Amino acid sequence: MFAISLNLSKKQNNYYMLLPKVQNALNQQVQIEANASQKYLAMACWCDANALEGCARFFYRHSDEERMHMLKLVHYINDAGGTVSIPAVELPHSEYQNIRELFEIAYTHEQKVSAAIDNLIELCITEKDKQTANFLQWYLNEQHEEEALYRTLIDRIKLIGIQDRGLYFIDREVDEVNAKKAAAEAAAGK
């Protein structure tokens, strides 16, 4: 990995510049988002291989969404005069016992992402970087929505069950949730 090291201060020629600590933390978040995209891509492939087309569409979409989150961070770092470090991604886990385990792993991952965003905002507050803290509020809101979504889906999976026809109904339910979310985002211009 090659990155140019710059000595950046808060203001240089009256332009906002990232502090090195904040830049490093943002680059770590870039890696977290890149890994999340790959994780959800692997989950989508598992769903496809197990004839769960609705769940596959859900995770393909979430993989794209995580990549968009990564790119949003990349653009912010660049716009703030920082240096982006494009990370290598981790090899994602690709085998699951069942659909419930897969969604529980995804939910746990979203909780970890939320904690990372919280820590990043705390760093920005400590470093008095209000601009980046404000930028990160979008991620905080997004994580709240994601955690609620995964909790709801896990509750429905528990209610429906994963035996016999349960998988069919789970797949259909997840596909409907995914379609509603996509339609709402399209209407909002996302």
N, C-alpha and C. Protein backbone atom coordinates (compact mmCIF):
# COMPACT_ATOMS: atom_id res chain seq x y z
N MET A 1 0.85 -1.16 0.00
CA MET A 1 0.00 0.00 0.00
C MET A 1 0.90 1.23 0.00
N PHE A 2 0.65 2.16 -0.91
CA PHE A 2 1.46 3.36 -1.03
C PHE A 2 0.57 4.57 -0.81
N ALA A 3 0.99 5.44 0.08
CA ALA A 3 0.25 6.68 0.31
C ALA A 3 1.25 7.79 0.55
N ILE A 4 0.94 8.94 0.02
CA ILE A 4 1.79 10.11 0.23
C ILE A 4 1.46 10.69 1.58
N SER A 5 2.47 10.97 2.37
CA SER A 5 2.25 11.54 3.70
C SER A 5 2.30 13.05 3.61
N LEU A 6 1.26 13.70 4.10
CA LEU A 6 1.21 15.15 4.10
C LEU A 6 1.06 15.64 5.53
N ASN A 7 1.66 16.75 5.85
CA ASN A 7 1.49 17.38 7.14
C ASN A 7 0.32 18.34 7.01
N LEU A 8 -0.86 17.91 7.47
CA LEU A 8 -2.07 18.70 7.29
C LEU A 8 -2.47 19.34 8.60
N SER A 9 -2.89 20.56 8.53
CA SER A 9 -3.39 21.25 9.72
C SER A 9 -4.85 21.60 9.49
N LYS A 10 -5.52 22.06 10.54
CA LYS A 10 -6.94 22.38 10.42
C LYS A 10 -7.23 23.40 9.34
N LYS A 11 -6.45 24.44 9.28
CA LYS A 11 -6.68 25.46 8.26
C LYS A 11 -5.34 25.76 7.60
N GLN A 12 -5.37 25.82 6.32
CA GLN A 12 -4.19 26.16 5.56
C GLN A 12 -4.69 27.04 4.41
N ASN A 13 -4.23 28.27 4.37
CA ASN A 13 -4.70 29.22 3.36
C ASN A 13 -6.22 29.39 3.41
N ASN A 14 -6.78 29.38 4.62
CA ASN A 14 -8.21 29.55 4.85
C ASN A 14 -9.08 28.43 4.28
N TYR A 15 -8.50 27.29 3.94
CA TYR A 15 -9.26 26.13 3.49
C TYR A 15 -9.22 25.08 4.58
N TYR A 16 -10.33 24.36 4.73
CA TYR A 16 -10.40 23.29 5.72
C TYR A 16 -9.47 22.16 5.30
N MET A 17 -8.70 21.65 6.24
CA MET A 17 -7.82 20.51 5.97
C MET A 17 -8.00 19.49 7.09
N LEU A 18 -7.90 18.23 6.77
CA LEU A 18 -8.03 17.17 7.76
C LEU A 18 -6.80 17.11 8.66
N LEU A 19 -7.05 16.86 9.93
CA LEU A 19 -5.96 16.57 10.85
C LEU A 19 -5.49 15.15 10.58
N PRO A 20 -4.20 14.87 10.75
CA PRO A 20 -3.69 13.52 10.47
C PRO A 20 -4.43 12.41 11.23
N LYS A 21 -4.75 12.64 12.52
CA LYS A 21 -5.47 11.62 13.30
C LYS A 21 -6.83 11.32 12.69
N VAL A 22 -7.52 12.36 12.28
CA VAL A 22 -8.85 12.19 11.70
C VAL A 22 -8.74 11.52 10.33
N GLN A 23 -7.77 11.94 9.54
CA GLN A 23 -7.55 11.31 8.23
C GLN A 23 -7.29 9.82 8.39
N ASN A 24 -6.43 9.44 9.33
CA ASN A 24 -6.13 8.02 9.54
C ASN A 24 -7.39 7.25 9.95
N ALA A 25 -8.18 7.84 10.83
CA ALA A 25 -9.41 7.19 11.28
C ALA A 25 -10.41 7.06 10.13
N LEU A 26 -10.51 8.07 9.30
CA LEU A 26 -11.40 8.00 8.13
C LEU A 26 -10.93 6.91 7.17
N ASN A 27 -9.63 6.79 6.98
CA ASN A 27 -9.11 5.73 6.13
C ASN A 27 -9.40 4.35 6.71
N GLN A 28 -9.38 4.22 8.03
CA GLN A 28 -9.77 2.95 8.65
C GLN A 28 -11.24 2.65 8.38
N GLN A 29 -12.06 3.69 8.39
CA GLN A 29 -13.48 3.50 8.09
C GLN A 29 -13.68 3.13 6.62
N VAL A 30 -12.85 3.66 5.75
CA VAL A 30 -12.90 3.25 4.33
C VAL A 30 -12.70 1.74 4.25
N GLN A 31 -11.74 1.22 5.01
CA GLN A 31 -11.48 -0.22 5.00
C GLN A 31 -12.67 -1.00 5.56
N ILE A 32 -13.25 -0.51 6.63
CA ILE A 32 -14.42 -1.18 7.22
C ILE A 32 -15.55 -1.27 6.20
N GLU A 33 -15.80 -0.19 5.49
CA GLU A 33 -16.88 -0.17 4.49
C GLU A 33 -16.55 -1.09 3.31
N ALA A 34 -15.29 -1.11 2.88
CA ALA A 34 -14.88 -1.99 1.78
C ALA A 34 -15.05 -3.45 2.18
N ASN A 35 -14.65 -3.79 3.41
CA ASN A 35 -14.81 -5.16 3.90
C ASN A 35 -16.29 -5.53 4.01
N ALA A 36 -17.12 -4.58 4.43
CA ALA A 36 -18.56 -4.84 4.54
C ALA A 36 -19.15 -5.14 3.16
N SER A 37 -18.72 -4.40 2.16
CA SER A 37 -19.21 -4.64 0.81
C SER A 37 -18.88 -6.06 0.36
N GLN A 38 -17.66 -6.49 0.62
CA GLN A 38 -17.25 -7.85 0.24
C GLN A 38 -18.00 -8.90 1.06
N LYS A 39 -18.18 -8.63 2.34
CA LYS A 39 -18.91 -9.56 3.22
C LYS A 39 -20.33 -9.78 2.69
N TYR A 40 -21.01 -8.68 2.32
CA TYR A 40 -22.38 -8.81 1.84
C TYR A 40 -22.43 -9.43 0.45
N LEU A 41 -21.40 -9.22 -0.35
CA LEU A 41 -21.33 -9.88 -1.65
C LEU A 41 -21.22 -11.39 -1.46
N ALA A 42 -20.38 -11.82 -0.52
CA ALA A 42 -20.25 -13.26 -0.23
C ALA A 42 -21.57 -13.83 0.29
N MET A 43 -22.27 -13.06 1.12
CA MET A 43 -23.57 -13.51 1.63
C MET A 43 -24.58 -13.63 0.50
N ALA A 44 -24.56 -12.69 -0.44
CA ALA A 44 -25.46 -12.75 -1.59
C ALA A 44 -25.19 -14.01 -2.41
N CYS A 45 -23.92 -14.32 -2.60
CA CYS A 45 -23.56 -15.52 -3.36
C CYS A 45 -24.04 -16.78 -2.65
N TRP A 46 -23.90 -16.83 -1.32
CA TRP A 46 -24.39 -17.98 -0.55
C TRP A 46 -25.91 -18.11 -0.74
N CYS A 47 -26.61 -17.00 -0.66
CA CYS A 47 -28.06 -17.03 -0.84
C CYS A 47 -28.43 -17.52 -2.24
N ASP A 48 -27.73 -17.02 -3.25
CA ASP A 48 -27.97 -17.47 -4.62
C ASP A 48 -27.75 -18.98 -4.75
N ALA A 49 -26.67 -19.47 -4.16
CA ALA A 49 -26.34 -20.89 -4.24
C ALA A 49 -27.35 -21.76 -3.51
N ASN A 50 -28.11 -21.15 -2.59
CA ASN A 50 -29.09 -21.90 -1.81
C ASN A 50 -30.53 -21.57 -2.22
N ALA A 51 -30.70 -21.08 -3.45
CA ALA A 51 -32.01 -20.81 -4.05
C ALA A 51 -32.84 -19.81 -3.25
N LEU A 52 -32.15 -18.85 -2.61
CA LEU A 52 -32.83 -17.78 -1.87
C LEU A 52 -32.63 -16.48 -2.64
N GLU A 53 -33.34 -16.37 -3.76
CA GLU A 53 -33.15 -15.25 -4.67
C GLU A 53 -33.50 -13.90 -4.05
N GLY A 54 -34.54 -13.84 -3.26
CA GLY A 54 -34.91 -12.59 -2.60
C GLY A 54 -33.84 -12.13 -1.62
N CYS A 55 -33.32 -13.07 -0.85
CA CYS A 55 -32.24 -12.74 0.09
C CYS A 55 -30.98 -12.35 -0.68
N ALA A 56 -30.73 -13.02 -1.80
CA ALA A 56 -29.56 -12.67 -2.62
C ALA A 56 -29.68 -11.23 -3.12
N ARG A 57 -30.85 -10.86 -3.62
CA ARG A 57 -31.04 -9.48 -4.08
C ARG A 57 -30.81 -8.49 -2.94
N PHE A 58 -31.30 -8.82 -1.76
CA PHE A 58 -31.12 -7.98 -0.58
C PHE A 58 -29.62 -7.76 -0.30
N PHE A 59 -28.85 -8.83 -0.30
CA PHE A 59 -27.42 -8.70 0.03
C PHE A 59 -26.60 -8.11 -1.12
N TYR A 60 -26.97 -8.37 -2.37
CA TYR A 60 -26.29 -7.69 -3.48
C TYR A 60 -26.48 -6.18 -3.34
N ARG A 61 -27.70 -5.78 -3.03
CA ARG A 61 -27.99 -4.36 -2.86
C ARG A 61 -27.22 -3.78 -1.68
N HIS A 62 -27.15 -4.54 -0.59
CA HIS A 62 -26.40 -4.05 0.58
C HIS A 62 -24.91 -3.99 0.30
N SER A 63 -24.41 -4.89 -0.52
CA SER A 63 -23.01 -4.82 -0.92
C SER A 63 -22.74 -3.52 -1.68
N ASP A 64 -23.63 -3.20 -2.62
CA ASP A 64 -23.50 -1.95 -3.37
C ASP A 64 -23.60 -0.74 -2.45
N GLU A 65 -24.50 -0.82 -1.48
CA GLU A 65 -24.70 0.29 -0.54
C GLU A 65 -23.43 0.53 0.29
N GLU A 66 -22.80 -0.55 0.74
CA GLU A 66 -21.56 -0.40 1.52
C GLU A 66 -20.44 0.20 0.66
N ARG A 67 -20.41 -0.18 -0.60
CA ARG A 67 -19.41 0.41 -1.49
C ARG A 67 -19.66 1.90 -1.66
N MET A 68 -20.94 2.28 -1.75
CA MET A 68 -21.30 3.69 -1.84
C MET A 68 -20.86 4.43 -0.57
N HIS A 69 -21.03 3.80 0.58
CA HIS A 69 -20.58 4.40 1.84
C HIS A 69 -19.06 4.63 1.81
N MET A 70 -18.34 3.64 1.28
CA MET A 70 -16.89 3.77 1.16
C MET A 70 -16.53 4.93 0.24
N LEU A 71 -17.19 5.01 -0.91
CA LEU A 71 -16.88 6.07 -1.86
C LEU A 71 -17.21 7.45 -1.31
N LYS A 72 -18.27 7.54 -0.53
CA LYS A 72 -18.62 8.81 0.09
C LYS A 72 -17.49 9.28 1.02
N LEU A 73 -16.91 8.35 1.77
CA LEU A 73 -15.76 8.67 2.62
C LEU A 73 -14.55 9.08 1.79
N VAL A 74 -14.29 8.33 0.73
CA VAL A 74 -13.15 8.63 -0.16
C VAL A 74 -13.28 10.05 -0.71
N HIS A 75 -14.46 10.40 -1.19
CA HIS A 75 -14.67 11.75 -1.74
C HIS A 75 -14.50 12.82 -0.67
N TYR A 76 -14.98 12.54 0.53
CA TYR A 76 -14.84 13.51 1.62
C TYR A 76 -13.37 13.74 1.94
N ILE A 77 -12.61 12.67 2.06
CA ILE A 77 -11.17 12.81 2.36
C ILE A 77 -10.49 13.61 1.27
N ASN A 78 -10.77 13.28 0.02
CA ASN A 78 -10.16 14.01 -1.10
C ASN A 78 -10.58 15.48 -1.11
N ASP A 79 -11.86 15.73 -0.90
CA ASP A 79 -12.37 17.11 -0.91
C ASP A 79 -11.78 17.94 0.22
N ALA A 80 -11.42 17.28 1.33
CA ALA A 80 -10.84 17.97 2.47
C ALA A 80 -9.32 18.09 2.36
N GLY A 81 -8.77 17.72 1.21
CA GLY A 81 -7.34 17.85 0.99
C GLY A 81 -6.51 16.75 1.62
N GLY A 82 -7.16 15.66 1.99
CA GLY A 82 -6.45 14.55 2.62
C GLY A 82 -5.93 13.56 1.60
N THR A 83 -5.34 12.50 2.12
CA THR A 83 -4.81 11.43 1.30
C THR A 83 -5.57 10.15 1.62
N VAL A 84 -6.14 9.54 0.62
CA VAL A 84 -6.89 8.30 0.79
C VAL A 84 -5.94 7.13 0.66
N SER A 85 -6.08 6.17 1.56
CA SER A 85 -5.36 4.90 1.46
C SER A 85 -6.37 3.84 1.06
N ILE A 86 -6.24 3.33 -0.15
CA ILE A 86 -7.16 2.29 -0.62
C ILE A 86 -6.68 0.97 -0.03
N PRO A 87 -7.53 0.33 0.79
CA PRO A 87 -7.09 -0.86 1.51
C PRO A 87 -7.27 -2.15 0.73
N ALA A 88 -6.50 -3.13 1.13
CA ALA A 88 -6.78 -4.49 0.68
C ALA A 88 -7.99 -4.96 1.48
N VAL A 89 -8.82 -5.78 0.89
CA VAL A 89 -10.00 -6.25 1.62
C VAL A 89 -9.73 -7.64 2.18
N GLU A 90 -10.40 -7.93 3.28
CA GLU A 90 -10.29 -9.24 3.91
C GLU A 90 -11.09 -10.26 3.11
N LEU A 91 -10.62 -11.50 3.13
CA LEU A 91 -11.38 -12.57 2.49
C LEU A 91 -12.62 -12.83 3.35
N PRO A 92 -13.82 -12.61 2.81
CA PRO A 92 -15.02 -12.77 3.64
C PRO A 92 -15.37 -14.24 3.87
N HIS A 93 -16.00 -14.48 5.00
CA HIS A 93 -16.54 -15.80 5.32
C HIS A 93 -17.63 -16.09 4.29
N SER A 94 -17.70 -17.31 3.80
CA SER A 94 -18.69 -17.58 2.75
C SER A 94 -19.54 -18.82 2.99
N GLU A 95 -19.38 -19.45 4.14
CA GLU A 95 -20.19 -20.63 4.47
C GLU A 95 -21.00 -20.35 5.72
N TYR A 96 -22.27 -20.71 5.68
CA TYR A 96 -23.18 -20.47 6.80
C TYR A 96 -24.01 -21.72 7.03
N GLN A 97 -24.40 -21.95 8.27
CA GLN A 97 -25.22 -23.11 8.61
C GLN A 97 -26.64 -22.97 8.05
N ASN A 98 -27.15 -21.73 8.12
CA ASN A 98 -28.51 -21.48 7.67
C ASN A 98 -28.73 -19.98 7.53
N ILE A 99 -29.90 -19.60 7.06
CA ILE A 99 -30.20 -18.19 6.80
C ILE A 99 -30.25 -17.38 8.09
N ARG A 100 -30.69 -17.99 9.17
CA ARG A 100 -30.73 -17.26 10.45
C ARG A 100 -29.31 -16.89 10.89
N GLU A 101 -28.38 -17.83 10.80
CA GLU A 101 -27.00 -17.53 11.16
C GLU A 101 -26.44 -16.40 10.29
N LEU A 102 -26.73 -16.45 9.01
CA LEU A 102 -26.25 -15.43 8.09
C LEU A 102 -26.74 -14.04 8.50
N PHE A 103 -28.02 -13.91 8.79
CA PHE A 103 -28.56 -12.61 9.20
C PHE A 103 -28.04 -12.18 10.57
N GLU A 104 -27.82 -13.12 11.47
CA GLU A 104 -27.26 -12.77 12.78
C GLU A 104 -25.83 -12.26 12.64
N ILE A 105 -25.06 -12.87 11.75
CA ILE A 105 -23.69 -12.40 11.50
C ILE A 105 -23.72 -11.00 10.89
N ALA A 106 -24.64 -10.79 9.95
CA ALA A 106 -24.77 -9.46 9.33
C ALA A 106 -25.15 -8.42 10.38
N TYR A 107 -26.06 -8.76 11.28
CA TYR A 107 -26.48 -7.84 12.34
C TYR A 107 -25.31 -7.51 13.27
N THR A 108 -24.57 -8.52 13.67
CA THR A 108 -23.39 -8.30 14.52
C THR A 108 -22.39 -7.39 13.82
N HIS A 109 -22.23 -7.60 12.52
CA HIS A 109 -21.31 -6.75 11.76
C HIS A 109 -21.80 -5.30 11.76
N GLU A 110 -23.09 -5.09 11.57
CA GLU A 110 -23.63 -3.73 11.58
C GLU A 110 -23.41 -3.06 12.94
N GLN A 111 -23.51 -3.83 14.01
CA GLN A 111 -23.24 -3.28 15.34
C GLN A 111 -21.78 -2.83 15.45
N LYS A 112 -20.87 -3.60 14.87
CA LYS A 112 -19.45 -3.23 14.89
C LYS A 112 -19.21 -1.96 14.07
N VAL A 113 -19.88 -1.85 12.94
CA VAL A 113 -19.75 -0.64 12.12
C VAL A 113 -20.28 0.56 12.89
N SER A 114 -21.40 0.39 13.57
CA SER A 114 -21.96 1.48 14.38
C SER A 114 -20.97 1.93 15.45
N ALA A 115 -20.33 0.97 16.11
CA ALA A 115 -19.35 1.30 17.14
C ALA A 115 -18.17 2.06 16.54
N ALA A 116 -17.74 1.65 15.35
CA ALA A 116 -16.62 2.34 14.68
C ALA A 116 -17.00 3.78 14.34
N ILE A 117 -18.21 3.99 13.85
CA ILE A 117 -18.68 5.35 13.54
C ILE A 117 -18.75 6.18 14.82
N ASP A 118 -19.29 5.59 15.89
CA ASP A 118 -19.34 6.30 17.18
C ASP A 118 -17.95 6.73 17.62
N ASN A 119 -16.99 5.82 17.51
CA ASN A 119 -15.60 6.14 17.90
C ASN A 119 -15.02 7.24 17.03
N LEU A 120 -15.33 7.20 15.76
CA LEU A 120 -14.84 8.21 14.82
C LEU A 120 -15.41 9.59 15.16
N ILE A 121 -16.69 9.63 15.48
CA ILE A 121 -17.31 10.91 15.87
C ILE A 121 -16.70 11.41 17.17
N GLU A 122 -16.47 10.52 18.12
CA GLU A 122 -15.83 10.92 19.39
C GLU A 122 -14.45 11.51 19.14
N LEU A 123 -13.69 10.90 18.23
CA LEU A 123 -12.37 11.44 17.88
C LEU A 123 -12.51 12.84 17.30
N CYS A 124 -13.46 13.02 16.41
CA CYS A 124 -13.67 14.34 15.80
C CYS A 124 -14.04 15.38 16.84
N ILE A 125 -14.85 15.00 17.81
CA ILE A 125 -15.23 15.93 18.87
C ILE A 125 -14.01 16.27 19.71
N THR A 126 -13.22 15.26 20.07
CA THR A 126 -12.00 15.48 20.85
C THR A 126 -11.03 16.39 20.12
N GLU A 127 -10.92 16.20 18.81
CA GLU A 127 -9.99 16.98 17.99
C GLU A 127 -10.61 18.30 17.52
N LYS A 128 -11.83 18.56 17.94
CA LYS A 128 -12.56 19.78 17.57
C LYS A 128 -12.74 19.92 16.05
N ASP A 129 -12.95 18.80 15.40
CA ASP A 129 -13.19 18.78 13.96
C ASP A 129 -14.70 18.68 13.74
N LYS A 130 -15.36 19.82 13.85
CA LYS A 130 -16.82 19.87 13.75
C LYS A 130 -17.31 19.51 12.36
N GLN A 131 -16.56 19.88 11.35
CA GLN A 131 -16.99 19.63 9.98
C GLN A 131 -17.08 18.12 9.71
N THR A 132 -16.05 17.38 10.11
CA THR A 132 -16.07 15.93 9.89
C THR A 132 -17.12 15.27 10.78
N ALA A 133 -17.25 15.74 12.03
CA ALA A 133 -18.28 15.19 12.92
C ALA A 133 -19.66 15.38 12.30
N ASN A 134 -19.90 16.54 11.71
CA ASN A 134 -21.17 16.80 11.04
C ASN A 134 -21.36 15.88 9.84
N PHE A 135 -20.33 15.71 9.04
CA PHE A 135 -20.38 14.80 7.89
C PHE A 135 -20.75 13.38 8.33
N LEU A 136 -20.21 12.94 9.46
CA LEU A 136 -20.43 11.58 9.93
C LEU A 136 -21.82 11.33 10.51
N GLN A 137 -22.58 12.39 10.77
CA GLN A 137 -23.94 12.22 11.28
C GLN A 137 -24.79 11.39 10.32
N TRP A 138 -24.56 11.56 9.03
CA TRP A 138 -25.30 10.78 8.04
C TRP A 138 -25.06 9.28 8.28
N TYR A 139 -23.80 8.91 8.54
CA TYR A 139 -23.46 7.51 8.78
C TYR A 139 -24.13 7.00 10.06
N LEU A 140 -24.16 7.84 11.08
CA LEU A 140 -24.79 7.48 12.34
C LEU A 140 -26.27 7.17 12.12
N ASN A 141 -26.95 8.01 11.38
CA ASN A 141 -28.37 7.79 11.07
C ASN A 141 -28.56 6.53 10.22
N GLU A 142 -27.69 6.33 9.27
CA GLU A 142 -27.75 5.15 8.40
C GLU A 142 -27.59 3.88 9.23
N GLN A 143 -26.66 3.88 10.17
CA GLN A 143 -26.43 2.71 11.01
C GLN A 143 -27.63 2.41 11.90
N HIS A 144 -28.27 3.45 12.39
CA HIS A 144 -29.48 3.24 13.20
C HIS A 144 -30.54 2.50 12.38
N GLU A 145 -30.72 2.92 11.14
CA GLU A 145 -31.69 2.27 10.25
C GLU A 145 -31.29 0.82 9.95
N GLU A 146 -30.00 0.60 9.69
CA GLU A 146 -29.53 -0.74 9.35
C GLU A 146 -29.71 -1.71 10.51
N GLU A 147 -29.33 -1.29 11.71
CA GLU A 147 -29.49 -2.17 12.86
C GLU A 147 -30.96 -2.51 13.09
N ALA A 148 -31.83 -1.52 12.98
CA ALA A 148 -33.27 -1.77 13.16
C ALA A 148 -33.78 -2.74 12.10
N LEU A 149 -33.33 -2.58 10.87
CA LEU A 149 -33.75 -3.47 9.79
C LEU A 149 -33.33 -4.91 10.07
N TYR A 150 -32.07 -5.11 10.43
CA TYR A 150 -31.59 -6.47 10.69
C TYR A 150 -32.28 -7.09 11.90
N ARG A 151 -32.53 -6.31 12.95
CA ARG A 151 -33.26 -6.84 14.12
C ARG A 151 -34.65 -7.31 13.70
N THR A 152 -35.32 -6.49 12.90
CA THR A 152 -36.66 -6.85 12.43
C THR A 152 -36.63 -8.13 11.60
N LEU A 153 -35.68 -8.23 10.69
CA LEU A 153 -35.60 -9.42 9.84
C LEU A 153 -35.27 -10.67 10.65
N ILE A 154 -34.38 -10.54 11.62
CA ILE A 154 -34.06 -11.69 12.48
C ILE A 154 -35.29 -12.12 13.28
N ASP A 155 -36.02 -11.15 13.80
CA ASP A 155 -37.26 -11.48 14.54
C ASP A 155 -38.24 -12.22 13.64
N ARG A 156 -38.37 -11.80 12.40
CA ARG A 156 -39.28 -12.47 11.46
C ARG A 156 -38.79 -13.88 11.12
N ILE A 157 -37.48 -14.02 10.97
CA ILE A 157 -36.91 -15.35 10.69
C ILE A 157 -37.20 -16.28 11.86
N LYS A 158 -37.04 -15.79 13.08
CA LYS A 158 -37.34 -16.60 14.27
C LYS A 158 -38.82 -16.98 14.30
N LEU A 159 -39.67 -16.04 13.96
CA LEU A 159 -41.12 -16.26 13.97
C LEU A 159 -41.53 -17.27 12.90
N ILE A 160 -41.01 -17.12 11.71
CA ILE A 160 -41.37 -17.99 10.59
C ILE A 160 -40.72 -19.36 10.72
N GLY A 161 -39.46 -19.39 11.16
CA GLY A 161 -38.71 -20.64 11.25
C GLY A 161 -38.00 -20.94 9.95
N ILE A 162 -36.97 -21.77 10.03
CA ILE A 162 -36.16 -22.06 8.84
C ILE A 162 -36.39 -23.48 8.31
N GLN A 163 -37.41 -24.13 8.80
CA GLN A 163 -37.71 -25.49 8.35
C GLN A 163 -38.75 -25.47 7.24
N ASP A 164 -38.69 -26.46 6.40
CA ASP A 164 -39.69 -26.68 5.35
C ASP A 164 -39.99 -25.40 4.56
N ARG A 165 -41.25 -24.99 4.55
CA ARG A 165 -41.67 -23.84 3.76
C ARG A 165 -41.23 -22.52 4.36
N GLY A 166 -40.72 -22.55 5.57
CA GLY A 166 -40.27 -21.32 6.23
C GLY A 166 -39.26 -20.55 5.39
N LEU A 167 -38.34 -21.27 4.75
CA LEU A 167 -37.33 -20.60 3.92
C LEU A 167 -37.98 -19.84 2.77
N TYR A 168 -39.01 -20.43 2.18
CA TYR A 168 -39.71 -19.76 1.09
C TYR A 168 -40.31 -18.44 1.58
N PHE A 169 -40.96 -18.49 2.72
CA PHE A 169 -41.61 -17.29 3.26
C PHE A 169 -40.59 -16.25 3.71
N ILE A 170 -39.49 -16.70 4.28
CA ILE A 170 -38.41 -15.77 4.67
C ILE A 170 -37.87 -15.07 3.43
N ASP A 171 -37.59 -15.86 2.40
CA ASP A 171 -37.03 -15.30 1.17
C ASP A 171 -37.98 -14.26 0.58
N ARG A 172 -39.25 -14.59 0.56
CA ARG A 172 -40.25 -13.66 0.03
C ARG A 172 -40.34 -12.40 0.89
N GLU A 173 -40.33 -12.57 2.20
CA GLU A 173 -40.40 -11.43 3.13
C GLU A 173 -39.20 -10.50 2.95
N VAL A 174 -38.01 -11.06 2.87
CA VAL A 174 -36.79 -10.25 2.70
C VAL A 174 -36.83 -9.53 1.36
N ASP A 175 -37.30 -10.20 0.33
CA ASP A 175 -37.40 -9.57 -0.99
C ASP A 175 -38.38 -8.39 -0.96
N GLU A 176 -39.49 -8.54 -0.26
CA GLU A 176 -40.47 -7.45 -0.14
C GLU A 176 -39.88 -6.27 0.63
N VAL A 177 -39.18 -6.55 1.73
CA VAL A 177 -38.54 -5.48 2.51
C VAL A 177 -37.52 -4.76 1.64
N ASN A 178 -36.74 -5.52 0.88
CA ASN A 178 -35.73 -4.95 0.01
C ASN A 178 -36.36 -4.06 -1.06
N ALA A 179 -37.44 -4.54 -1.66
CA ALA A 179 -38.12 -3.76 -2.72
C ALA A 179 -38.70 -2.46 -2.15
N LYS A 180 -39.28 -2.53 -0.95
CA LYS A 180 -39.83 -1.32 -0.33
C LYS A 180 -38.73 -0.31 -0.02
N LYS A 181 -37.61 -0.80 0.49
CA LYS A 181 -36.50 0.10 0.81
C LYS A 181 -35.94 0.73 -0.47
N ALA A 182 -35.80 -0.06 -1.51
CA ALA A 182 -35.30 0.47 -2.79
C ALA A 182 -36.26 1.52 -3.36
N ALA A 183 -37.55 1.26 -3.27
CA ALA A 183 -38.54 2.21 -3.78
C ALA A 183 -38.52 3.51 -2.97
N ALA A 184 -38.39 3.40 -1.65
CA ALA A 184 -38.33 4.59 -0.80
C ALA A 184 -37.09 5.42 -1.10
N GLU A 185 -35.96 4.74 -1.32
CA GLU A 185 -34.73 5.45 -1.65
C GLU A 185 -34.83 6.11 -3.01
N ALA A 186 -35.45 5.44 -3.97
CA ALA A 186 -35.62 6.02 -5.30
C ALA A 186 -36.51 7.26 -5.23
N ALA A 187 -37.56 7.18 -4.43
CA ALA A 187 -38.47 8.33 -4.27
C ALA A 187 -37.77 9.50 -3.59
N ALA A 188 -36.83 9.18 -2.69
CA ALA A 188 -36.08 10.23 -1.98
C ALA A 188 -34.90 10.74 -2.80
N GLY A 189 -34.67 10.11 -3.95
CA GLY A 189 -33.57 10.55 -4.82
C GLY A 189 -32.20 10.08 -4.38
N LYS A 190 -32.14 8.98 -3.63
CA LYS A 190 -30.84 8.45 -3.17
C LYS A 190 -30.16 7.66 -4.24
